[in-house]
Amino acid sequence: RRRGFDLAHAPLFRLAIFRVATGAY
């Protein structure tokens, strides 16, 4: 959240995937 976005550069979204168990993300 603190990182935020530079509104002058696309894309204005991102994803993170954390594998927490076998068959669970």
PDB file of all heavy atoms in Angstrom:
ATOM      1  N   ARG A   1       0.831  -1.205   0.000  1.00  0.00           N
ATOM      2  CA  ARG A   1       0.000   0.000   0.000  1.00  0.00           C
ATOM      3  C   ARG A   1       0.866   1.255   0.000  1.00  0.00           C
ATOM      4  O   ARG A   1       0.587   2.211  -0.722  1.00  0.00           O
ATOM      5  CB  ARG A   1      -0.930   0.003   1.226  1.00  0.00           C
ATOM      6  CG  ARG A   1      -1.867   1.197   1.256  1.00  0.00           C
ATOM      7  CD  ARG A   1      -2.802   1.116   2.456  1.00  0.00           C
ATOM      8  NE  ARG A   1      -3.695  -0.012   2.349  1.00  0.00           N
ATOM      9  CZ  ARG A   1      -4.831  -0.016   1.652  1.00  0.00           C
ATOM     10  NH1 ARG A   1      -5.170   1.060   0.974  1.00  0.00           N
ATOM     11  NH2 ARG A   1      -5.601  -1.078   1.627  1.00  0.00           N
ATOM     12  N   ARG A   2       1.929   1.255   0.799  1.00  0.00           N
ATOM     13  CA  ARG A   2       2.818   2.421   0.827  1.00  0.00           C
ATOM     14  C   ARG A   2       3.498   2.629  -0.531  1.00  0.00           C
ATOM     15  O   ARG A   2       3.755   3.764  -0.937  1.00  0.00           O
ATOM     16  CB  ARG A   2       3.897   2.259   1.903  1.00  0.00           C
ATOM     17  CG  ARG A   2       3.387   2.392   3.329  1.00  0.00           C
ATOM     18  CD  ARG A   2       4.543   2.686   4.276  1.00  0.00           C
ATOM     19  NE  ARG A   2       5.615   1.728   4.109  1.00  0.00           N
ATOM     20  CZ  ARG A   2       5.751   0.605   4.808  1.00  0.00           C
ATOM     21  NH1 ARG A   2       4.844   0.302   5.732  1.00  0.00           N
ATOM     22  NH2 ARG A   2       6.767  -0.215   4.605  1.00  0.00           N
ATOM     23  N   ARG A   3       3.768   1.539  -1.220  1.00  0.00           N
ATOM     24  CA  ARG A   3       4.424   1.625  -2.524  1.00  0.00           C
ATOM     25  C   ARG A   3       3.562   2.386  -3.521  1.00  0.00           C
ATOM     26  O   ARG A   3       4.052   3.171  -4.332  1.00  0.00           O
ATOM     27  CB  ARG A   3       4.712   0.214  -3.030  1.00  0.00           C
ATOM     28  CG  ARG A   3       5.276   0.130  -4.431  1.00  0.00           C
ATOM     29  CD  ARG A   3       5.396  -1.329  -4.822  1.00  0.00           C
ATOM     30  NE  ARG A   3       5.723  -1.517  -6.224  1.00  0.00           N
ATOM     31  CZ  ARG A   3       5.656  -2.685  -6.848  1.00  0.00           C
ATOM     32  NH1 ARG A   3       5.291  -3.776  -6.180  1.00  0.00           N
ATOM     33  NH2 ARG A   3       5.957  -2.775  -8.133  1.00  0.00           N
ATOM     34  N   GLY A   4       2.269   2.159  -3.452  1.00  0.00           N
ATOM     35  CA  GLY A   4       1.342   2.880  -4.303  1.00  0.00           C
ATOM     36  C   GLY A   4       1.584   2.667  -5.780  1.00  0.00           C
ATOM     37  O   GLY A   4       2.130   1.645  -6.210  1.00  0.00           O
ATOM     38  N   PHE A   5       1.192   3.669  -6.575  1.00  0.00           N
ATOM     39  CA  PHE A   5       1.337   3.602  -8.028  1.00  0.00           C
ATOM     40  C   PHE A   5       1.776   4.959  -8.559  1.00  0.00           C
ATOM     41  O   PHE A   5       1.400   6.003  -8.031  1.00  0.00           O
ATOM     42  CB  PHE A   5       0.016   3.215  -8.699  1.00  0.00           C
ATOM     43  CG  PHE A   5      -0.422   1.809  -8.454  1.00  0.00           C
ATOM     44  CD1 PHE A   5      -1.285   1.521  -7.405  1.00  0.00           C
ATOM     45  CD2 PHE A   5       0.027   0.773  -9.257  1.00  0.00           C
ATOM     46  CE1 PHE A   5      -1.694   0.219  -7.163  1.00  0.00           C
ATOM     47  CE2 PHE A   5      -0.374  -0.533  -9.019  1.00  0.00           C
ATOM     48  CZ  PHE A   5      -1.235  -0.818  -7.971  1.00  0.00           C
ATOM     49  N   ASP A   6       2.543   4.916  -9.606  1.00  0.00           N
ATOM     50  CA  ASP A   6       2.840   6.118 -10.375  1.00  0.00           C
ATOM     51  C   ASP A   6       1.734   6.244 -11.411  1.00  0.00           C
ATOM     52  O   ASP A   6       1.689   5.475 -12.384  1.00  0.00           O
ATOM     53  CB  ASP A   6       4.211   5.988 -11.047  1.00  0.00           C
ATOM     54  CG  ASP A   6       4.574   7.214 -11.882  1.00  0.00           C
ATOM     55  OD1 ASP A   6       3.718   8.098 -12.057  1.00  0.00           O
ATOM     56  OD2 ASP A   6       5.715   7.266 -12.368  1.00  0.00           O
ATOM     57  N   LEU A   7       0.834   7.181 -11.210  1.00  0.00           N
ATOM     58  CA  LEU A   7      -0.346   7.285 -12.065  1.00  0.00           C
ATOM     59  C   LEU A   7      -0.009   7.616 -13.509  1.00  0.00           C
ATOM     60  O   LEU A   7      -0.855   7.464 -14.391  1.00  0.00           O
ATOM     61  CB  LEU A   7      -1.309   8.332 -11.504  1.00  0.00           C
ATOM     62  CG  LEU A   7      -1.928   8.001 -10.142  1.00  0.00           C
ATOM     63  CD1 LEU A   7      -2.806   9.143  -9.659  1.00  0.00           C
ATOM     64  CD2 LEU A   7      -2.729   6.715 -10.200  1.00  0.00           C
ATOM     65  N   ALA A   8       1.217   8.020 -13.748  1.00  0.00           N
ATOM     66  CA  ALA A   8       1.627   8.370 -15.111  1.00  0.00           C
ATOM     67  C   ALA A   8       2.135   7.159 -15.883  1.00  0.00           C
ATOM     68  O   ALA A   8       2.505   7.296 -17.057  1.00  0.00           O
ATOM     69  CB  ALA A   8       2.706   9.450 -15.074  1.00  0.00           C
ATOM     70  N   HIS A   9       2.154   5.980 -15.253  1.00  0.00           N
ATOM     71  CA  HIS A   9       2.676   4.795 -15.934  1.00  0.00           C
ATOM     72  C   HIS A   9       1.743   3.605 -15.740  1.00  0.00           C
ATOM     73  O   HIS A   9       1.373   3.267 -14.610  1.00  0.00           O
ATOM     74  CB  HIS A   9       4.081   4.442 -15.416  1.00  0.00           C
ATOM     75  CG  HIS A   9       5.116   5.465 -15.774  1.00  0.00           C
ATOM     76  ND1 HIS A   9       5.373   6.562 -14.973  1.00  0.00           N
ATOM     77  CD2 HIS A   9       5.934   5.574 -16.854  1.00  0.00           C
ATOM     78  CE1 HIS A   9       6.320   7.290 -15.545  1.00  0.00           C
ATOM     79  NE2 HIS A   9       6.669   6.735 -16.679  1.00  0.00           N
ATOM     80  N   ALA A  10       1.354   2.990 -16.844  1.00  0.00           N
ATOM     81  CA  ALA A  10       0.514   1.793 -16.806  1.00  0.00           C
ATOM     82  C   ALA A  10       1.408   0.549 -16.676  1.00  0.00           C
ATOM     83  O   ALA A  10       2.582   0.583 -17.057  1.00  0.00           O
ATOM     84  CB  ALA A  10      -0.315   1.701 -18.083  1.00  0.00           C
ATOM     85  N   PRO A  11       0.829  -0.537 -16.114  1.00  0.00           N
ATOM     86  CA  PRO A  11      -0.535  -0.669 -15.618  1.00  0.00           C
ATOM     87  C   PRO A  11      -0.656  -0.182 -14.180  1.00  0.00           C
ATOM     88  O   PRO A  11       0.335  -0.166 -13.438  1.00  0.00           O
ATOM     89  CB  PRO A  11      -0.799  -2.164 -15.713  1.00  0.00           C
ATOM     90  CG  PRO A  11       0.540  -2.791 -15.462  1.00  0.00           C
ATOM     91  CD  PRO A  11       1.540  -1.855 -16.116  1.00  0.00           C
ATOM     92  N   LEU A  12      -1.856   0.175 -13.792  1.00  0.00           N
ATOM     93  CA  LEU A  12      -2.109   0.651 -12.436  1.00  0.00           C
ATOM     94  C   LEU A  12      -2.695  -0.470 -11.582  1.00  0.00           C
ATOM     95  O   LEU A  12      -3.597  -0.261 -10.766  1.00  0.00           O
ATOM     96  CB  LEU A  12      -3.046   1.862 -12.480  1.00  0.00           C
ATOM     97  CG  LEU A  12      -2.497   3.071 -13.242  1.00  0.00           C
ATOM     98  CD1 LEU A  12      -3.489   4.231 -13.224  1.00  0.00           C
ATOM     99  CD2 LEU A  12      -1.151   3.514 -12.675  1.00  0.00           C
ATOM    100  N   PHE A  13      -2.157  -1.662 -11.788  1.00  0.00           N
ATOM    101  CA  PHE A  13      -2.508  -2.815 -10.956  1.00  0.00           C
ATOM    102  C   PHE A  13      -1.346  -3.791 -10.977  1.00  0.00           C
ATOM    103  O   PHE A  13      -0.473  -3.726 -11.846  1.00  0.00           O
ATOM    104  CB  PHE A  13      -3.794  -3.495 -11.441  1.00  0.00           C
ATOM    105  CG  PHE A  13      -3.638  -4.291 -12.710  1.00  0.00           C
ATOM    106  CD1 PHE A  13      -3.470  -5.667 -12.667  1.00  0.00           C
ATOM    107  CD2 PHE A  13      -3.662  -3.674 -13.955  1.00  0.00           C
ATOM    108  CE1 PHE A  13      -3.324  -6.410 -13.833  1.00  0.00           C
ATOM    109  CE2 PHE A  13      -3.521  -4.396 -15.126  1.00  0.00           C
ATOM    110  CZ  PHE A  13      -3.352  -5.775 -15.065  1.00  0.00           C
ATOM    111  N   ARG A  14      -1.320  -4.696 -10.018  1.00  0.00           N
ATOM    112  CA  ARG A  14      -0.291  -5.734  -9.949  1.00  0.00           C
ATOM    113  C   ARG A  14      -0.821  -6.903  -9.129  1.00  0.00           C
ATOM    114  O   ARG A  14      -1.820  -6.775  -8.403  1.00  0.00           O
ATOM    115  CB  ARG A  14       1.006  -5.192  -9.327  1.00  0.00           C
ATOM    116  CG  ARG A  14       0.839  -4.535  -7.972  1.00  0.00           C
ATOM    117  CD  ARG A  14       2.182  -4.030  -7.428  1.00  0.00           C
ATOM    118  NE  ARG A  14       1.983  -3.233  -6.221  1.00  0.00           N
ATOM    119  CZ  ARG A  14       1.929  -1.898  -6.192  1.00  0.00           C
ATOM    120  NH1 ARG A  14       2.072  -1.222  -7.320  1.00  0.00           N
ATOM    121  NH2 ARG A  14       1.743  -1.253  -5.057  1.00  0.00           N
ATOM    122  N   LEU A  15      -0.124  -8.040  -9.247  1.00  0.00           N
ATOM    123  CA  LEU A  15      -0.526  -9.241  -8.518  1.00  0.00           C
ATOM    124  C   LEU A  15       0.655  -9.859  -7.799  1.00  0.00           C
ATOM    125  O   LEU A  15       1.800  -9.740  -8.249  1.00  0.00           O
ATOM    126  CB  LEU A  15      -1.139 -10.276  -9.467  1.00  0.00           C
ATOM    127  CG  LEU A  15      -2.522  -9.897  -9.979  1.00  0.00           C
ATOM    128  CD1 LEU A  15      -2.452  -9.567 -11.456  1.00  0.00           C
ATOM    129  CD2 LEU A  15      -3.519 -11.018  -9.720  1.00  0.00           C
ATOM    130  N   ALA A  16       0.353 -10.518  -6.707  1.00  0.00           N
ATOM    131  CA  ALA A  16       1.344 -11.312  -5.975  1.00  0.00           C
ATOM    132  C   ALA A  16       0.698 -12.638  -5.609  1.00  0.00           C
ATOM    133  O   ALA A  16      -0.478 -12.684  -5.220  1.00  0.00           O
ATOM    134  CB  ALA A  16       1.810 -10.585  -4.720  1.00  0.00           C
ATOM    135  N   ILE A  17       1.455 -13.721  -5.777  1.00  0.00           N
ATOM    136  CA  ILE A  17       0.949 -15.062  -5.484  1.00  0.00           C
ATOM    137  C   ILE A  17       1.890 -15.712  -4.480  1.00  0.00           C
ATOM    138  O   ILE A  17       3.092 -15.865  -4.736  1.00  0.00           O
ATOM    139  CB  ILE A  17       0.863 -15.929  -6.752  1.00  0.00           C
ATOM    140  CG1 ILE A  17       0.019 -15.226  -7.812  1.00  0.00           C
ATOM    141  CG2 ILE A  17       0.281 -17.297  -6.435  1.00  0.00           C
ATOM    142  CD1 ILE A  17       0.015 -15.945  -9.145  1.00  0.00           C
ATOM    143  N   PHE A  18       1.352 -16.097  -3.326  1.00  0.00           N
ATOM    144  CA  PHE A  18       2.143 -16.729  -2.281  1.00  0.00           C
ATOM    145  C   PHE A  18       1.638 -18.158  -2.071  1.00  0.00           C
ATOM    146  O   PHE A  18       0.473 -18.357  -1.704  1.00  0.00           O
ATOM    147  CB  PHE A  18       2.041 -15.935  -0.975  1.00  0.00           C
ATOM    148  CG  PHE A  18       2.360 -14.475  -1.140  1.00  0.00           C
ATOM    149  CD1 PHE A  18       1.387 -13.510  -0.925  1.00  0.00           C
ATOM    150  CD2 PHE A  18       3.625 -14.064  -1.540  1.00  0.00           C
ATOM    151  CE1 PHE A  18       1.676 -12.163  -1.075  1.00  0.00           C
ATOM    152  CE2 PHE A  18       3.927 -12.717  -1.699  1.00  0.00           C
ATOM    153  CZ  PHE A  18       2.948 -11.764  -1.477  1.00  0.00           C
ATOM    154  N   ARG A  19       2.505 -19.126  -2.304  1.00  0.00           N
ATOM    155  CA  ARG A  19       2.115 -20.516  -2.098  1.00  0.00           C
ATOM    156  C   ARG A  19       2.249 -20.835  -0.611  1.00  0.00           C
ATOM    157  O   ARG A  19       3.343 -20.797  -0.051  1.00  0.00           O
ATOM    158  CB  ARG A  19       2.977 -21.454  -2.926  1.00  0.00           C
ATOM    159  CG  ARG A  19       2.439 -22.888  -2.943  1.00  0.00           C
ATOM    160  CD  ARG A  19       3.137 -23.751  -3.971  1.00  0.00           C
ATOM    161  NE  ARG A  19       2.435 -25.018  -4.148  1.00  0.00           N
ATOM    162  CZ  ARG A  19       2.794 -25.968  -4.985  1.00  0.00           C
ATOM    163  NH1 ARG A  19       3.878 -25.795  -5.754  1.00  0.00           N
ATOM    164  NH2 ARG A  19       2.098 -27.085  -5.086  1.00  0.00           N
ATOM    165  N   VAL A  20       1.142 -21.156   0.039  1.00  0.00           N
ATOM    166  CA  VAL A  20       1.145 -21.341   1.491  1.00  0.00           C
ATOM    167  C   VAL A  20       1.057 -22.811   1.903  1.00  0.00           C
ATOM    168  O   VAL A  20       1.303 -23.150   3.060  1.00  0.00           O
ATOM    169  CB  VAL A  20      -0.010 -20.547   2.139  1.00  0.00           C
ATOM    170  CG1 VAL A  20       0.223 -19.053   1.959  1.00  0.00           C
ATOM    171  CG2 VAL A  20      -1.359 -20.948   1.573  1.00  0.00           C
ATOM    172  N   ALA A  21       0.696 -23.687   0.981  1.00  0.00           N
ATOM    173  CA  ALA A  21       0.617 -25.127   1.259  1.00  0.00           C
ATOM    174  C   ALA A  21       0.485 -25.837  -0.070  1.00  0.00           C
ATOM    175  O   ALA A  21       0.297 -25.209  -1.120  1.00  0.00           O
ATOM    176  CB  ALA A  21      -0.579 -25.445   2.161  1.00  0.00           C
ATOM    177  N   THR A  22       0.577 -27.145  -0.039  1.00  0.00           N
ATOM    178  CA  THR A  22       0.338 -27.908  -1.250  1.00  0.00           C
ATOM    179  C   THR A  22      -1.119 -27.721  -1.659  1.00  0.00           C
ATOM    180  O   THR A  22      -2.035 -28.027  -0.906  1.00  0.00           O
ATOM    181  CB  THR A  22       0.622 -29.400  -1.023  1.00  0.00           C
ATOM    182  OG1 THR A  22       1.990 -29.552  -0.634  1.00  0.00           O
ATOM    183  CG2 THR A  22       0.359 -30.197  -2.289  1.00  0.00           C
ATOM    184  N   GLY A  23      -1.306 -27.160  -2.838  1.00  0.00           N
ATOM    185  CA  GLY A  23      -2.663 -26.908  -3.310  1.00  0.00           C
ATOM    186  C   GLY A  23      -3.335 -25.722  -2.648  1.00  0.00           C
ATOM    187  O   GLY A  23      -4.563 -25.671  -2.575  1.00  0.00           O
ATOM    188  N   ALA A  24      -2.567 -24.751  -2.152  1.00  0.00           N
ATOM    189  CA  ALA A  24      -3.165 -23.564  -1.539  1.00  0.00           C
ATOM    190  C   ALA A  24      -2.297 -22.343  -1.842  1.00  0.00           C
ATOM    191  O   ALA A  24      -1.077 -22.375  -1.619  1.00  0.00           O
ATOM    192  CB  ALA A  24      -3.329 -23.743  -0.037  1.00  0.00           C
ATOM    193  N   TYR A  25      -2.922 -21.278  -2.328  1.00  0.00           N
ATOM    194  CA  TYR A  25      -2.207 -20.066  -2.726  1.00  0.00           C
ATOM    195  C   TYR A  25      -2.960 -18.843  -2.207  1.00  0.00           C
ATOM    196  O   TYR A  25      -4.193 -18.791  -2.294  1.00  0.00           O
ATOM    197  CB  TYR A  25      -2.104 -19.957  -4.252  1.00  0.00           C
ATOM    198  CG  TYR A  25      -1.460 -21.144  -4.914  1.00  0.00           C
ATOM    199  CD1 TYR A  25      -2.188 -22.320  -5.141  1.00  0.00           C
ATOM    200  CD2 TYR A  25      -0.134 -21.099  -5.332  1.00  0.00           C
ATOM    201  CE1 TYR A  25      -1.599 -23.418  -5.758  1.00  0.00           C
ATOM    202  CE2 TYR A  25       0.459 -22.184  -5.955  1.00  0.00           C
ATOM    203  CZ  TYR A  25      -0.283 -23.348  -6.160  1.00  0.00           C
ATOM    204  OH  TYR A  25       0.309 -24.427  -6.768  1.00  0.00           O
TER     205      TYR A  25
END
